[in-house]
Protein backbone atom coordinates (compact mmCIF):
# COMPACT_ATOMS: atom_id res chain seq x y z
CA UNK A 1 1.44 34.15 -57.29
CA UNK A 2 2.64 30.73 -58.50
CA UNK A 3 2.87 27.89 -56.00
CA UNK A 4 4.88 24.73 -55.54
CA UNK A 5 3.76 21.32 -54.33
CA UNK A 6 5.19 18.27 -52.58
CA UNK A 7 3.49 14.91 -53.15
CA UNK A 8 3.98 11.84 -50.97
CA UNK A 9 2.60 9.04 -53.11
CA UNK A 10 1.31 5.66 -51.98
CA UNK A 11 -0.66 2.76 -53.39
CA UNK A 12 -4.00 3.86 -51.93
CA UNK A 13 -3.68 7.63 -51.43
CA UNK A 14 -1.48 10.66 -52.01
CA UNK A 15 -0.70 13.43 -49.51
CA UNK A 16 0.01 16.85 -50.99
CA UNK A 17 1.38 20.05 -49.54
CA UNK A 18 1.05 23.29 -51.53
CA UNK A 19 2.94 26.43 -50.54
CA UNK A 20 3.53 29.88 -51.97
CA UNK A 21 6.67 29.93 -54.10
CA UNK A 22 7.98 33.25 -52.71
CA UNK A 23 7.01 33.25 -49.03
CA UNK A 24 6.62 29.52 -48.29
CA UNK A 25 3.18 30.18 -46.79
CA UNK A 26 1.25 26.93 -46.51
CA UNK A 27 -1.82 26.97 -48.76
CA UNK A 28 -3.12 23.39 -48.84
CA UNK A 29 -2.53 20.14 -46.93
CA UNK A 30 -4.80 17.43 -48.22
CA UNK A 31 -5.04 13.68 -48.95
CA UNK A 32 -6.46 12.27 -52.18
CA UNK A 33 -7.44 8.67 -52.91
CA UNK A 34 -5.62 6.80 -55.66
CA UNK A 35 -8.61 6.39 -57.94
CA UNK A 36 -9.86 8.37 -60.93
CA UNK A 37 -11.93 10.74 -58.83
CA UNK A 38 -9.07 11.33 -56.41
CA UNK A 39 -6.42 11.89 -59.09
CA UNK A 40 -8.74 14.25 -60.98
CA UNK A 41 -9.43 16.20 -57.78
CA UNK A 42 -5.69 16.36 -57.03
CA UNK A 43 -4.91 17.80 -60.45
CA UNK A 44 -7.79 20.24 -60.11
CA UNK A 45 -6.40 21.47 -56.79
CA UNK A 46 -2.96 21.99 -58.31
CA UNK A 47 -4.47 23.93 -61.21
CA UNK A 48 -6.63 26.02 -58.88
CA UNK A 49 -3.56 27.18 -56.93
CA UNK A 50 -1.45 27.74 -60.05
CA UNK A 51 1.16 25.10 -59.08
CA UNK A 52 4.12 25.38 -61.44
CA UNK A 53 6.35 22.66 -59.96
CA UNK A 54 5.70 19.43 -58.06
CA UNK A 55 8.21 17.19 -56.30
CA UNK A 56 7.72 13.47 -55.81
CA UNK A 57 9.86 10.50 -54.80
CA UNK A 58 9.58 8.59 -58.07
CA UNK A 59 10.42 9.39 -61.71
CA UNK A 60 7.61 7.41 -63.35
CA UNK A 61 4.20 5.89 -62.81
CA UNK A 62 0.57 6.77 -63.39
CA UNK A 63 0.54 9.86 -61.19
CA UNK A 64 3.76 11.25 -62.70
CA UNK A 65 2.33 10.72 -66.18
CA UNK A 66 -0.85 12.60 -65.28
CA UNK A 67 1.15 15.48 -63.79
CA UNK A 68 3.29 15.81 -66.91
CA UNK A 69 0.22 15.63 -69.15
CA UNK A 70 -1.30 18.49 -67.13
CA UNK A 71 1.70 20.67 -67.95
CA UNK A 72 3.20 20.65 -64.45
CA UNK A 73 6.98 20.50 -64.11
CA UNK A 74 7.84 17.38 -62.09
CA UNK A 75 10.99 17.01 -60.01
CA UNK A 76 11.82 13.46 -58.90
CA UNK A 77 13.85 13.35 -55.68
CA UNK A 78 15.47 10.12 -54.53
CA UNK A 79 14.03 8.76 -51.23
CA UNK A 80 17.53 8.80 -49.70
CA UNK A 81 17.75 12.56 -50.34
CA UNK A 82 14.35 13.08 -48.73
CA UNK A 83 15.42 10.98 -45.75
CA UNK A 84 18.55 13.10 -45.32
CA UNK A 85 16.51 16.32 -45.52
CA UNK A 86 13.93 15.41 -42.87
CA UNK A 87 16.17 16.51 -39.97
CA UNK A 88 16.23 20.05 -41.41
CA UNK A 89 12.57 20.44 -40.47
CA UNK A 90 12.14 18.45 -37.25
CA UNK A 91 13.60 18.31 -33.76
CA UNK A 92 12.35 14.84 -32.89
CA UNK A 93 12.38 11.67 -34.96
CA UNK A 94 8.76 11.72 -36.02
CA UNK A 95 7.67 10.81 -39.55
CA UNK A 96 4.38 10.78 -41.43
CA UNK A 97 3.16 10.92 -45.00
CA UNK A 98 1.93 14.50 -44.48
CA UNK A 99 5.33 15.52 -43.09
CA UNK A 100 7.12 13.94 -46.07
CA UNK A 101 4.89 15.94 -48.41
CA UNK A 102 5.91 19.09 -46.50
CA UNK A 103 9.63 18.17 -46.81
CA UNK A 104 9.23 17.62 -50.54
CA UNK A 105 7.43 20.94 -50.88
CA UNK A 106 10.20 22.81 -49.04
CA UNK A 107 12.87 21.14 -51.18
CA UNK A 108 10.99 22.30 -54.26
CA UNK A 109 10.95 25.85 -52.93
CA UNK A 110 14.49 26.20 -51.57
CA UNK A 111 16.58 23.63 -53.48
CA UNK A 112 14.90 23.38 -56.89
CA UNK A 113 18.15 24.42 -58.59
CA UNK A 114 19.79 21.24 -57.29
CA UNK A 115 17.33 18.81 -58.86
CA UNK A 116 16.62 18.23 -62.53
CA UNK A 117 13.10 18.49 -63.91
CA UNK A 118 11.81 15.33 -65.55
CA UNK A 119 12.06 15.45 -69.35
CA UNK A 120 9.01 13.96 -71.11
CA UNK A 121 9.76 11.42 -73.83
CA UNK A 122 7.91 10.79 -77.08
CA UNK A 123 5.26 8.10 -77.26
CA UNK A 124 7.49 5.96 -79.52
CA UNK A 125 10.32 6.05 -76.99
CA UNK A 126 8.08 5.23 -74.03
CA UNK A 127 6.60 2.30 -75.98
CA UNK A 128 10.06 1.00 -76.88
CA UNK A 129 11.18 1.33 -73.27
CA UNK A 130 8.12 -0.62 -72.10
CA UNK A 131 8.80 -3.42 -74.61
CA UNK A 132 12.47 -3.69 -73.60
CA UNK A 133 11.77 -3.66 -69.87
CA UNK A 134 9.01 -6.23 -70.22
CA UNK A 135 11.33 -8.52 -72.14
CA UNK A 136 14.08 -8.10 -69.55
CA UNK A 137 11.65 -8.98 -66.76
CA UNK A 138 10.42 -12.03 -68.65
CA UNK A 139 14.01 -13.17 -69.26
CA UNK A 140 14.61 -13.04 -65.51
CA UNK A 141 11.45 -15.10 -64.96
CA UNK A 142 12.60 -17.58 -67.63
CA UNK A 143 15.99 -17.96 -65.97
CA UNK A 144 14.41 -18.56 -62.56
CA UNK A 145 11.95 -21.15 -63.89
CA UNK A 146 14.68 -22.76 -66.00
CA UNK A 147 16.90 -23.18 -62.95
CA UNK A 148 14.06 -24.84 -61.07
CA UNK A 149 13.36 -27.15 -63.99
CA UNK A 150 17.05 -28.07 -64.32
CA UNK A 151 17.24 -28.85 -60.59
CA UNK A 152 14.23 -31.17 -60.83
CA UNK A 153 15.61 -32.98 -63.87
CA UNK A 154 19.08 -33.39 -62.32
CA UNK A 155 17.44 -35.17 -59.41
CA UNK A 156 15.73 -37.93 -61.42
CA UNK A 157 16.11 -37.44 -65.22
CA UNK A 158 19.51 -35.80 -65.96
CA UNK A 159 19.52 -36.85 -69.60
CA UNK A 160 16.58 -34.59 -70.41
CA UNK A 161 18.50 -31.60 -69.04
CA UNK A 162 21.63 -32.38 -71.09
CA UNK A 163 20.33 -33.52 -74.47
CA UNK A 164 19.92 -29.92 -75.70
CA UNK A 165 22.13 -26.90 -75.02
CA UNK A 166 19.50 -24.96 -73.05
CA UNK A 167 16.87 -26.58 -70.88
CA UNK A 168 14.50 -23.64 -71.45
CA UNK A 169 14.74 -23.62 -75.25
CA UNK A 170 11.57 -24.37 -77.18
CA UNK A 171 12.81 -27.73 -78.50
CA UNK A 172 13.97 -28.80 -75.00
CA UNK A 173 10.60 -27.89 -73.49
CA UNK A 174 8.81 -29.88 -76.20
CA UNK A 175 11.05 -32.87 -75.51
CA UNK A 176 10.53 -32.73 -71.74
CA UNK A 177 6.79 -32.34 -72.22
CA UNK A 178 6.75 -35.47 -74.42
CA UNK A 179 9.23 -37.47 -72.33
CA UNK A 180 8.93 -36.19 -68.72
CA UNK A 181 10.41 -39.36 -67.17
CA UNK A 182 13.11 -41.91 -68.13
CA UNK A 183 10.47 -44.62 -68.37
CA UNK A 184 8.64 -42.79 -71.14
CA UNK A 185 11.88 -42.40 -73.14
CA UNK A 186 13.01 -46.00 -72.71
CA UNK A 187 12.21 -46.97 -76.31
CA UNK A 188 13.51 -43.74 -77.86
CA UNK A 189 16.03 -44.28 -80.68
CA UNK A 190 17.66 -42.16 -83.41
CA UNK A 191 14.88 -42.68 -85.95
CA UNK A 192 12.10 -41.91 -83.53
CA UNK A 193 13.98 -38.87 -82.26
CA UNK A 194 14.59 -37.68 -85.84
CA UNK A 195 10.84 -37.69 -86.48
CA UNK A 196 10.26 -35.77 -83.24
CA UNK A 197 12.88 -33.17 -84.20
CA UNK A 198 11.45 -32.72 -87.68
CA UNK A 199 7.95 -32.32 -86.27
CA UNK A 200 9.04 -29.53 -83.93
CA UNK A 201 11.40 -27.67 -86.28
CA UNK A 202 14.76 -28.46 -84.66
CA UNK A 203 17.61 -26.34 -86.05
CA UNK A 204 19.63 -29.45 -86.88
CA UNK A 205 22.81 -28.36 -85.14
CA UNK A 206 23.41 -31.92 -83.88
CA UNK A 207 22.39 -35.21 -85.41
CA UNK A 208 19.81 -37.48 -83.74
CA UNK A 209 22.58 -40.00 -83.06
CA UNK A 210 24.65 -37.40 -81.19
CA UNK A 211 21.65 -36.33 -79.17
CA UNK A 212 20.82 -39.92 -78.24
CA UNK A 213 24.42 -40.42 -77.17
CA UNK A 214 24.15 -37.39 -74.89
CA UNK A 215 20.92 -38.72 -73.45
CA UNK A 216 22.34 -42.15 -72.67
CA UNK A 217 25.66 -40.83 -71.36
CA UNK A 218 23.92 -38.97 -68.53
CA UNK A 219 23.95 -40.65 -65.10
CA UNK A 220 20.93 -42.67 -64.03
CA UNK A 221 19.09 -41.75 -60.84
CA UNK A 222 17.39 -44.23 -58.53
CA UNK A 223 13.83 -43.12 -57.77
CA UNK A 224 10.79 -44.90 -56.44
CA UNK A 225 7.54 -44.87 -58.36
CA UNK A 226 5.89 -42.38 -56.01
CA UNK A 227 8.82 -39.96 -56.13
CA UNK A 228 9.09 -40.23 -59.91
CA UNK A 229 5.40 -39.46 -60.35
CA UNK A 230 5.65 -36.46 -58.02
CA UNK A 231 8.66 -35.11 -59.90
CA UNK A 232 6.91 -35.79 -63.21
CA UNK A 233 4.01 -33.59 -62.18
CA UNK A 234 6.41 -30.87 -60.99
CA UNK A 235 8.37 -30.95 -64.24
CA UNK A 236 5.21 -30.72 -66.36
CA UNK A 237 3.98 -27.78 -64.25
CA UNK A 238 7.28 -25.93 -64.76
CA UNK A 239 7.19 -26.65 -68.50
CA UNK A 240 3.63 -25.30 -68.72
CA UNK A 241 4.84 -22.10 -67.04
CA UNK A 242 7.95 -21.76 -69.19
CA UNK A 243 6.39 -22.32 -72.60
CA UNK A 244 4.27 -19.11 -72.73
CA UNK A 245 7.14 -17.09 -71.26
CA UNK A 246 9.59 -18.36 -73.90
CA UNK A 247 7.05 -17.76 -76.67
CA UNK A 248 6.32 -14.21 -75.48
CA UNK A 249 10.03 -13.39 -75.27
CA UNK A 250 10.41 -14.42 -78.91
CA UNK A 251 7.44 -12.24 -79.89
CA UNK A 252 8.79 -9.27 -77.94
CA UNK A 253 12.18 -9.65 -79.60
CA UNK A 254 10.56 -9.30 -83.01
CA UNK A 255 8.41 -6.35 -81.85
CA UNK A 256 11.44 -4.55 -80.37
CA UNK A 257 13.42 -4.96 -83.57
CA UNK A 258 10.58 -3.47 -85.62
CA UNK A 259 10.01 -0.60 -83.19
CA UNK A 260 13.74 0.22 -83.12
CA UNK A 261 14.05 0.43 -86.90
CA UNK A 262 10.90 2.59 -87.07
CA UNK A 263 12.13 5.00 -84.36
CA UNK A 264 13.65 8.29 -85.63
CA UNK A 265 16.74 7.73 -83.44
CA UNK A 266 17.03 4.01 -84.11
CA UNK A 267 19.91 4.23 -86.57
CA UNK A 268 21.95 6.35 -84.15
CA UNK A 269 22.14 3.47 -81.67
CA UNK A 270 22.27 0.64 -84.21
CA UNK A 271 25.44 2.15 -85.72
CA UNK A 272 27.42 1.23 -82.59
CA UNK A 273 27.05 -2.49 -83.27
CA UNK A 274 28.62 -4.52 -86.03
CA UNK A 275 26.14 -7.41 -85.82
CA UNK A 276 22.66 -6.47 -87.13
CA UNK A 277 21.20 -8.92 -84.59
CA UNK A 278 22.33 -6.62 -81.77
CA UNK A 279 19.07 -4.69 -81.91
CA UNK A 280 18.13 -5.62 -78.32
CA UNK A 281 21.00 -3.72 -76.71
CA UNK A 282 20.58 -0.79 -79.12
CA UNK A 283 16.87 -0.67 -78.29
CA UNK A 284 17.64 -0.86 -74.57
CA UNK A 285 20.05 2.06 -74.85
CA UNK A 286 17.51 4.15 -76.76
CA UNK A 287 14.71 3.26 -74.37
CA UNK A 288 16.69 4.21 -71.26
CA UNK A 289 18.45 7.30 -72.65
CA UNK A 290 15.35 8.54 -74.45
CA UNK A 291 14.96 11.14 -77.17
CA UNK A 292 14.80 14.32 -75.06
CA UNK A 293 18.23 15.92 -75.52
CA UNK A 294 17.76 18.15 -72.48
CA UNK A 295 17.81 15.13 -70.17
CA UNK A 296 21.60 14.81 -70.26
CA UNK A 297 23.25 18.21 -70.71
CA UNK A 298 26.73 16.67 -70.84
CA UNK A 299 28.47 13.38 -71.52
CA UNK A 300 29.48 13.28 -67.85
CA UNK A 301 25.80 13.34 -66.83
CA UNK A 302 25.08 10.39 -69.11
CA UNK A 303 28.07 8.41 -67.80
CA UNK A 304 27.02 9.10 -64.21
CA UNK A 305 23.42 8.00 -64.76
CA UNK A 306 24.72 4.88 -66.51
CA UNK A 307 26.88 4.04 -63.49
CA UNK A 308 30.13 4.24 -65.49
CA UNK A 309 31.56 7.28 -63.69
CA UNK A 310 33.15 6.65 -60.27
CA UNK A 311 32.19 8.55 -57.14
CA UNK A 312 35.02 10.68 -55.69
CA UNK A 313 35.67 10.21 -51.96
CA UNK A 314 37.99 12.83 -50.48
CA UNK A 315 38.88 13.57 -46.87
CA UNK A 316 41.97 15.53 -45.94
CA UNK A 317 44.91 14.02 -47.77
CA UNK A 318 42.98 10.89 -48.72
CA UNK A 319 41.49 10.63 -52.17
CA UNK A 320 39.72 7.59 -53.60
CA UNK A 321 37.21 6.63 -56.28
CA UNK A 322 34.28 4.41 -55.29
CA UNK A 323 31.83 2.35 -57.30
CA UNK A 324 28.66 4.26 -58.22
CA UNK A 325 25.66 2.42 -56.82
CA UNK A 326 23.02 5.12 -57.43
CA UNK A 327 22.34 4.95 -61.16
CA UNK A 328 19.99 3.56 -63.80
CA UNK A 329 20.76 -0.16 -63.40
CA UNK A 330 19.22 -1.11 -66.74
CA UNK A 331 21.20 1.56 -68.58
CA UNK A 332 24.38 0.41 -66.86
CA UNK A 333 23.79 -3.13 -68.10
CA UNK A 334 23.25 -1.98 -71.69
CA UNK A 335 26.39 0.18 -71.71
CA UNK A 336 28.37 -2.74 -70.26
CA UNK A 337 27.12 -4.96 -73.08
CA UNK A 338 28.13 -2.32 -75.62
CA UNK A 339 31.62 -2.03 -74.10
CA UNK A 340 32.14 -5.78 -73.78
CA UNK A 341 31.00 -6.43 -77.34
CA UNK A 342 33.09 -3.70 -78.99
CA UNK A 343 36.36 -4.56 -77.21
CA UNK A 344 36.58 -7.70 -79.37
CA UNK A 345 36.39 -6.02 -82.78
CA UNK A 346 36.75 -2.24 -82.45
CA UNK A 347 40.46 -1.14 -82.41
CA UNK A 348 39.91 1.93 -80.23
CA UNK A 349 37.68 0.07 -77.76
CA UNK A 350 40.19 -2.77 -77.53
CA UNK A 351 43.01 -0.27 -76.88
CA UNK A 352 41.06 1.48 -74.10
CA UNK A 353 40.25 -1.87 -72.48
CA UNK A 354 43.81 -3.23 -72.74
CA UNK A 355 45.33 -0.06 -71.28
CA UNK A 356 42.83 -0.17 -68.41
CA UNK A 357 43.80 -3.77 -67.63
CA UNK A 358 47.48 -2.80 -67.82
CA UNK A 359 46.86 -0.20 -65.10
CA UNK A 360 45.70 -2.99 -62.79
CA UNK A 361 41.95 -2.78 -63.28
CA UNK A 362 40.02 -6.04 -63.19
CA UNK A 363 37.63 -6.96 -66.01
CA UNK A 364 34.45 -5.28 -64.63
CA UNK A 365 36.39 -2.09 -63.80
CA UNK A 366 37.98 -2.01 -67.27
CA UNK A 367 34.56 -2.49 -68.86
CA UNK A 368 33.24 0.52 -66.92
CA UNK A 369 36.26 2.55 -68.03
CA UNK A 370 35.53 1.65 -71.64
CA UNK A 371 31.83 2.27 -71.09
CA UNK A 372 32.57 5.78 -69.84
CA UNK A 373 34.63 6.41 -72.98
CA UNK A 374 31.79 5.13 -75.16
CA UNK A 375 29.34 7.41 -73.28
CA UNK A 376 31.24 10.45 -74.56
CA UNK A 377 30.97 9.21 -78.15
CA UNK A 378 27.37 8.08 -77.72
CA UNK A 379 26.33 11.40 -76.17
CA UNK A 380 27.88 13.39 -79.05
CA UNK A 381 26.11 11.30 -81.71
CA UNK A 382 22.85 11.47 -79.74
CA UNK A 383 23.03 15.23 -79.34
CA UNK A 384 23.87 15.79 -83.02
CA UNK A 385 21.30 13.25 -84.20
CA UNK A 386 23.80 11.44 -86.47
CA UNK A 387 24.77 7.73 -86.45
CA UNK A 388 28.25 6.75 -85.36
CA UNK A 389 30.81 7.04 -88.15
CA UNK A 390 34.25 5.49 -87.55
CA UNK A 391 35.74 7.89 -90.09
CA UNK A 392 34.88 10.85 -87.85
CA UNK A 393 36.10 9.20 -84.62
CA UNK A 394 39.25 11.22 -83.89
CA UNK A 395 40.80 8.92 -81.27
CA UNK A 396 40.22 5.90 -83.49
CA UNK A 397 41.82 7.57 -86.49
CA UNK A 398 44.84 8.68 -84.44
CA UNK A 399 45.26 5.16 -83.10
CA UNK A 400 45.07 3.62 -86.59
CA UNK A 401 47.56 6.19 -87.92
CA UNK A 402 49.98 5.46 -85.04
CA UNK A 403 49.77 1.71 -85.59
CA UNK A 404 50.11 2.09 -89.38
């Protein structure tokens, strides 16, 4: 008879509980180390007992990947749901890894119809997702380091933070590396700055004279020699950390653009953006939504996972809609970017946004309302495998006809 399994994962070991699918009879309770020998033994045990479904508290990771590769259906259950289910199987408040594995196993046996099975994605989609997520993480690191660098410069060398638009841009980092203190930039003039800009490939948006004026217009701080030297060393350390991060972000941007255009579903998501440079958001949407059409059986499921569908709260005569916290945060960000970008140029998107604001919704709420509307369109194009075509957008055509 087939069996089911609950797995409580950890960094160093994994507890498993295997039970008979029909009777719930306990077959195996065992702990495996998180190394190659342990993972191989775990998979061998599952195969030996003909395990057809495994539940675990995470939707990704090395162990989940190995389970999927072994042909085992994996059900990812949120830790909050496991926490709420513990009291079904205990009288006291005890908790252990082995007990959590038992709870997961019972949920797989009795409530499997309530939880969706993980849908494997293609290698191209997983690679694109990894590139996008890595870039997003590096952007967060760049912002944090840039804020620290700006704070240091504002304390003793404000001109270096204001001469260029962004303190963490490549040209700004080169400038701060060359002139880390006011004393080292004392003899800097337009001609000398022009040679520096030409040497480092400045875009030429502002003239050297305008940049020098910005530099000299900044307030002057009073610092002793010891403090200035200490801050100089701090600034150079931050610049040395920022430079490889900024360079890698630029490389990842190029890699993501190439991977998106090479992906079979790339054009479906690119069609939602007017600017061809919007490949980052399109790639993020594709990476998070994936290419397995069974993952989202309806547009409502996609909107809910993207955090753009409210949560209904009803009690007696009271009815309210609450913000959805449990969702894919990265996907929510990408759909928000799509909604915010299209409301400026797309007639239908602008109409949905304006009507939402007229009903009293603030900007973030109206963006989520528009995002939910875009999820319906996006889901239809994704399911059909065709890029977005404004000529086939019924609501848009009706709006244009009404206005004409």
